[in-house]
Amino acid sequence: MSDILELVGARIKDLRKLRGLSQEALAEKAGFNISYIGFIERAERNISMKNLEKIAGALDVGVYELFTYLKEQEELPEESTLKEVVSMLRERDPKDVEMARNILVEIFRRMDGKG
Protein backbone atom coordinates (compact mmCIF):
# COMPACT_ATOMS: atom_id res chain seq x y z
CA MET A 1 0.00 0.00 0.00
CA SER A 2 1.11 3.52 -0.70
CA ASP A 3 1.77 5.86 2.23
CA ILE A 4 0.00 8.71 0.47
CA LEU A 5 -3.10 6.60 -0.15
CA GLU A 6 -3.13 5.51 3.51
CA LEU A 7 -2.75 9.05 4.81
CA VAL A 8 -5.37 10.57 2.50
CA GLY A 9 -7.76 7.71 3.26
CA ALA A 10 -7.25 8.18 6.99
CA ARG A 11 -7.86 11.92 6.66
CA ILE A 12 -11.07 11.37 4.70
CA LYS A 13 -12.25 8.90 7.34
CA ASP A 14 -11.46 11.32 10.17
CA LEU A 15 -13.22 14.22 8.48
CA ARG A 16 -16.22 12.03 7.70
CA LYS A 17 -16.48 10.90 11.34
CA LEU A 18 -16.03 14.45 12.65
CA ARG A 19 -19.04 15.45 10.56
CA GLY A 20 -21.06 12.51 11.83
CA LEU A 21 -21.37 10.96 8.37
CA SER A 22 -21.49 7.27 7.59
CA GLN A 23 -19.64 5.95 4.56
CA GLU A 24 -23.01 5.63 2.88
CA ALA A 25 -23.94 9.25 3.61
CA LEU A 26 -20.60 10.54 2.31
CA ALA A 27 -20.88 8.39 -0.80
CA GLU A 28 -24.34 9.75 -1.48
CA LYS A 29 -23.26 13.38 -0.97
CA ALA A 30 -20.25 12.91 -3.26
CA GLY A 31 -22.12 10.85 -5.86
CA PHE A 32 -20.28 7.56 -5.35
CA ASN A 33 -21.08 3.96 -4.53
CA ILE A 34 -20.71 3.23 -0.80
CA SER A 35 -18.04 0.60 -1.46
CA TYR A 36 -15.86 3.22 -3.21
CA ILE A 37 -15.59 5.32 -0.04
CA GLY A 38 -14.58 2.21 1.92
CA PHE A 39 -11.92 1.37 -0.67
CA ILE A 40 -10.54 4.93 -0.44
CA GLU A 41 -10.48 4.96 3.36
CA ARG A 42 -8.66 1.61 3.44
CA ALA A 43 -6.20 2.76 0.73
CA GLU A 44 -7.31 -0.06 -1.56
CA ARG A 45 -7.97 2.18 -4.56
CA ASN A 46 -6.16 5.03 -6.18
CA ILE A 47 -8.23 8.19 -6.35
CA SER A 48 -8.34 10.78 -9.09
CA MET A 49 -8.04 14.49 -8.43
CA LYS A 50 -11.57 14.91 -9.73
CA ASN A 51 -12.90 12.43 -7.18
CA LEU A 52 -10.85 14.05 -4.40
CA GLU A 53 -12.55 17.31 -5.30
CA LYS A 54 -15.99 15.67 -5.05
CA ILE A 55 -15.19 14.13 -1.67
CA ALA A 56 -13.76 17.42 -0.36
CA GLY A 57 -16.92 19.19 -1.49
CA ALA A 58 -19.12 16.61 0.23
CA LEU A 59 -17.07 17.08 3.42
CA ASP A 60 -17.21 20.87 3.01
CA VAL A 61 -13.42 21.28 3.07
CA GLY A 62 -10.80 22.42 0.58
CA VAL A 63 -8.98 19.68 -1.30
CA TYR A 64 -5.73 20.71 0.41
CA GLU A 65 -7.23 19.68 3.76
CA LEU A 66 -7.31 16.07 2.58
CA PHE A 67 -3.50 16.17 2.51
CA THR A 68 -2.77 17.60 5.97
CA TYR A 69 -1.59 14.25 7.34
CA LEU A 70 1.15 14.21 4.71
CA LYS A 71 2.74 17.35 6.13
CA GLU A 72 2.37 16.08 9.69
CA GLN A 73 3.91 12.74 8.74
CA GLU A 74 6.94 14.42 7.14
CA GLU A 75 7.55 16.62 10.18
CA LEU A 76 7.78 13.74 12.66
CA PRO A 77 11.03 11.80 13.11
CA GLU A 78 10.84 8.37 11.46
CA GLU A 79 11.25 6.28 14.63
CA SER A 80 9.48 8.46 17.16
CA THR A 81 7.08 7.70 19.97
CA LEU A 82 5.08 10.74 18.88
CA LYS A 83 4.60 9.25 15.42
CA GLU A 84 3.35 6.05 17.03
CA VAL A 85 0.90 7.95 19.24
CA VAL A 86 -0.40 9.98 16.30
CA SER A 87 -0.96 6.78 14.32
CA MET A 88 -2.88 5.23 17.21
CA LEU A 89 -5.06 8.32 17.61
CA ARG A 90 -5.90 8.42 13.91
CA GLU A 91 -7.49 5.01 14.19
CA ARG A 92 -9.73 5.98 17.11
CA ASP A 93 -13.16 7.52 17.26
CA PRO A 94 -13.13 11.33 17.78
CA LYS A 95 -14.64 10.84 21.26
CA ASP A 96 -11.71 8.59 22.21
CA VAL A 97 -9.25 11.18 20.92
CA GLU A 98 -10.94 13.87 23.01
CA MET A 99 -10.76 11.62 26.08
CA ALA A 100 -7.04 10.99 25.48
CA ARG A 101 -6.49 14.74 25.16
CA ASN A 102 -8.30 15.39 28.44
CA ILE A 103 -6.21 12.75 30.20
CA LEU A 104 -2.99 14.30 28.90
CA VAL A 105 -4.10 17.78 29.97
CA GLU A 106 -4.78 16.48 33.49
CA ILE A 107 -1.44 14.64 33.66
CA PHE A 108 0.50 17.68 32.50
CA ARG A 109 -1.33 19.97 34.96
CA ARG A 110 -0.34 17.68 37.83
CA MET A 111 3.25 17.47 36.57
CA ASP A 112 3.42 21.25 36.40
CA GLY A 113 1.98 21.54 39.92
CA LYS A 114 -1.22 23.21 38.73
CA GLY A 115 -3.63 20.46 39.71
C-alpha atoms as a PDB file:
ATOM      1  CA  MET A   1       0.000   0.000   0.000  1.00  0.00           C
ATOM      2  CA  SER A   2       1.111   3.522  -0.700  1.00  0.00           C
ATOM      3  CA  ASP A   3       1.767   5.855   2.235  1.00  0.00           C
ATOM      4  CA  ILE A   4       0.001   8.709   0.471  1.00  0.00           C
ATOM      5  CA  LEU A   5      -3.104   6.604  -0.146  1.00  0.00           C
ATOM      6  CA  GLU A   6      -3.133   5.505   3.507  1.00  0.00           C
ATOM      7  CA  LEU A   7      -2.750   9.046   4.812  1.00  0.00           C
ATOM      8  CA  VAL A   8      -5.374  10.567   2.500  1.00  0.00           C
ATOM      9  CA  GLY A   9      -7.756   7.706   3.256  1.00  0.00           C
ATOM     10  CA  ALA A  10      -7.252   8.179   6.995  1.00  0.00           C
ATOM     11  CA  ARG A  11      -7.856  11.920   6.658  1.00  0.00           C
ATOM     12  CA  ILE A  12     -11.072  11.366   4.699  1.00  0.00           C
ATOM     13  CA  LYS A  13     -12.251   8.898   7.337  1.00  0.00           C
ATOM     14  CA  ASP A  14     -11.457  11.319  10.173  1.00  0.00           C
ATOM     15  CA  LEU A  15     -13.217  14.224   8.484  1.00  0.00           C
ATOM     16  CA  ARG A  16     -16.217  12.027   7.700  1.00  0.00           C
ATOM     17  CA  LYS A  17     -16.478  10.904  11.340  1.00  0.00           C
ATOM     18  CA  LEU A  18     -16.028  14.455  12.647  1.00  0.00           C
ATOM     19  CA  ARG A  19     -19.040  15.449  10.559  1.00  0.00           C
ATOM     20  CA  GLY A  20     -21.063  12.510  11.827  1.00  0.00           C
ATOM     21  CA  LEU A  21     -21.367  10.964   8.375  1.00  0.00           C
ATOM     22  CA  SER A  22     -21.487   7.269   7.592  1.00  0.00           C
ATOM     23  CA  GLN A  23     -19.637   5.953   4.556  1.00  0.00           C
ATOM     24  CA  GLU A  24     -23.008   5.632   2.882  1.00  0.00           C
ATOM     25  CA  ALA A  25     -23.944   9.253   3.609  1.00  0.00           C
ATOM     26  CA  LEU A  26     -20.602  10.541   2.314  1.00  0.00           C
ATOM     27  CA  ALA A  27     -20.879   8.385  -0.795  1.00  0.00           C
ATOM     28  CA  GLU A  28     -24.344   9.752  -1.475  1.00  0.00           C
ATOM     29  CA  LYS A  29     -23.263  13.376  -0.968  1.00  0.00           C
ATOM     30  CA  ALA A  30     -20.251  12.909  -3.260  1.00  0.00           C
ATOM     31  CA  GLY A  31     -22.116  10.853  -5.858  1.00  0.00           C
ATOM     32  CA  PHE A  32     -20.281   7.564  -5.354  1.00  0.00           C
ATOM     33  CA  ASN A  33     -21.084   3.958  -4.531  1.00  0.00           C
ATOM     34  CA  ILE A  34     -20.711   3.225  -0.805  1.00  0.00           C
ATOM     35  CA  SER A  35     -18.044   0.603  -1.463  1.00  0.00           C
ATOM     36  CA  TYR A  36     -15.857   3.220  -3.212  1.00  0.00           C
ATOM     37  CA  ILE A  37     -15.592   5.315  -0.035  1.00  0.00           C
ATOM     38  CA  GLY A  38     -14.581   2.207   1.917  1.00  0.00           C
ATOM     39  CA  PHE A  39     -11.920   1.375  -0.666  1.00  0.00           C
ATOM     40  CA  ILE A  40     -10.536   4.929  -0.439  1.00  0.00           C
ATOM     41  CA  GLU A  41     -10.480   4.962   3.359  1.00  0.00           C
ATOM     42  CA  ARG A  42      -8.663   1.613   3.438  1.00  0.00           C
ATOM     43  CA  ALA A  43      -6.202   2.759   0.730  1.00  0.00           C
ATOM     44  CA  GLU A  44      -7.310  -0.064  -1.556  1.00  0.00           C
ATOM     45  CA  ARG A  45      -7.973   2.177  -4.560  1.00  0.00           C
ATOM     46  CA  ASN A  46      -6.156   5.029  -6.182  1.00  0.00           C
ATOM     47  CA  ILE A  47      -8.230   8.192  -6.346  1.00  0.00           C
ATOM     48  CA  SER A  48      -8.339  10.776  -9.089  1.00  0.00           C
ATOM     49  CA  MET A  49      -8.038  14.487  -8.429  1.00  0.00           C
ATOM     50  CA  LYS A  50     -11.572  14.909  -9.732  1.00  0.00           C
ATOM     51  CA  ASN A  51     -12.900  12.433  -7.179  1.00  0.00           C
ATOM     52  CA  LEU A  52     -10.848  14.052  -4.400  1.00  0.00           C
ATOM     53  CA  GLU A  53     -12.547  17.305  -5.302  1.00  0.00           C
ATOM     54  CA  LYS A  54     -15.993  15.666  -5.049  1.00  0.00           C
ATOM     55  CA  ILE A  55     -15.187  14.135  -1.673  1.00  0.00           C
ATOM     56  CA  ALA A  56     -13.760  17.419  -0.361  1.00  0.00           C
ATOM     57  CA  GLY A  57     -16.924  19.188  -1.487  1.00  0.00           C
ATOM     58  CA  ALA A  58     -19.121  16.611   0.234  1.00  0.00           C
ATOM     59  CA  LEU A  59     -17.069  17.081   3.422  1.00  0.00           C
ATOM     60  CA  ASP A  60     -17.207  20.873   3.008  1.00  0.00           C
ATOM     61  CA  VAL A  61     -13.418  21.282   3.068  1.00  0.00           C
ATOM     62  CA  GLY A  62     -10.804  22.421   0.585  1.00  0.00           C
ATOM     63  CA  VAL A  63      -8.982  19.676  -1.303  1.00  0.00           C
ATOM     64  CA  TYR A  64      -5.732  20.714   0.405  1.00  0.00           C
ATOM     65  CA  GLU A  65      -7.234  19.680   3.761  1.00  0.00           C
ATOM     66  CA  LEU A  66      -7.312  16.074   2.576  1.00  0.00           C
ATOM     67  CA  PHE A  67      -3.497  16.172   2.508  1.00  0.00           C
ATOM     68  CA  THR A  68      -2.774  17.602   5.971  1.00  0.00           C
ATOM     69  CA  TYR A  69      -1.592  14.253   7.339  1.00  0.00           C
ATOM     70  CA  LEU A  70       1.150  14.210   4.706  1.00  0.00           C
ATOM     71  CA  LYS A  71       2.737  17.351   6.127  1.00  0.00           C
ATOM     72  CA  GLU A  72       2.369  16.083   9.695  1.00  0.00           C
ATOM     73  CA  GLN A  73       3.911  12.740   8.743  1.00  0.00           C
ATOM     74  CA  GLU A  74       6.939  14.421   7.137  1.00  0.00           C
ATOM     75  CA  GLU A  75       7.551  16.616  10.176  1.00  0.00           C
ATOM     76  CA  LEU A  76       7.781  13.735  12.658  1.00  0.00           C
ATOM     77  CA  PRO A  77      11.029  11.803  13.113  1.00  0.00           C
ATOM     78  CA  GLU A  78      10.840   8.369  11.458  1.00  0.00           C
ATOM     79  CA  GLU A  79      11.250   6.278  14.627  1.00  0.00           C
ATOM     80  CA  SER A  80       9.479   8.460  17.162  1.00  0.00           C
ATOM     81  CA  THR A  81       7.079   7.699  19.966  1.00  0.00           C
ATOM     82  CA  LEU A  82       5.076  10.743  18.882  1.00  0.00           C
ATOM     83  CA  LYS A  83       4.601   9.253  15.422  1.00  0.00           C
ATOM     84  CA  GLU A  84       3.353   6.047  17.026  1.00  0.00           C
ATOM     85  CA  VAL A  85       0.901   7.952  19.242  1.00  0.00           C
ATOM     86  CA  VAL A  86      -0.399   9.981  16.304  1.00  0.00           C
ATOM     87  CA  SER A  87      -0.957   6.778  14.321  1.00  0.00           C
ATOM     88  CA  MET A  88      -2.882   5.229  17.213  1.00  0.00           C
ATOM     89  CA  LEU A  89      -5.063   8.321  17.611  1.00  0.00           C
ATOM     90  CA  ARG A  90      -5.896   8.423  13.913  1.00  0.00           C
ATOM     91  CA  GLU A  91      -7.490   5.008  14.195  1.00  0.00           C
ATOM     92  CA  ARG A  92      -9.731   5.983  17.105  1.00  0.00           C
ATOM     93  CA  ASP A  93     -13.159   7.515  17.259  1.00  0.00           C
ATOM     94  CA  PRO A  94     -13.134  11.326  17.778  1.00  0.00           C
ATOM     95  CA  LYS A  95     -14.637  10.837  21.263  1.00  0.00           C
ATOM     96  CA  ASP A  96     -11.710   8.590  22.207  1.00  0.00           C
ATOM     97  CA  VAL A  97      -9.249  11.184  20.915  1.00  0.00           C
ATOM     98  CA  GLU A  98     -10.938  13.869  23.014  1.00  0.00           C
ATOM     99  CA  MET A  99     -10.762  11.616  26.084  1.00  0.00           C
ATOM    100  CA  ALA A 100      -7.041  10.987  25.476  1.00  0.00           C
ATOM    101  CA  ARG A 101      -6.493  14.740  25.162  1.00  0.00           C
ATOM    102  CA  ASN A 102      -8.296  15.388  28.444  1.00  0.00           C
ATOM    103  CA  ILE A 103      -6.209  12.748  30.196  1.00  0.00           C
ATOM    104  CA  LEU A 104      -2.991  14.303  28.899  1.00  0.00           C
ATOM    105  CA  VAL A 105      -4.101  17.780  29.971  1.00  0.00           C
ATOM    106  CA  GLU A 106      -4.777  16.483  33.488  1.00  0.00           C
ATOM    107  CA  ILE A 107      -1.444  14.638  33.664  1.00  0.00           C
ATOM    108  CA  PHE A 108       0.495  17.684  32.498  1.00  0.00           C
ATOM    109  CA  ARG A 109      -1.333  19.971  34.961  1.00  0.00           C
ATOM    110  CA  ARG A 110      -0.339  17.679  37.829  1.00  0.00           C
ATOM    111  CA  MET A 111       3.254  17.465  36.570  1.00  0.00           C
ATOM    112  CA  ASP A 112       3.419  21.254  36.402  1.00  0.00           C
ATOM    113  CA  GLY A 113       1.984  21.541  39.919  1.00  0.00           C
ATOM    114  CA  LYS A 114      -1.222  23.211  38.730  1.00  0.00           C
ATOM    115  CA  GLY A 115      -3.630  20.464  39.712  1.00  0.00           C
END
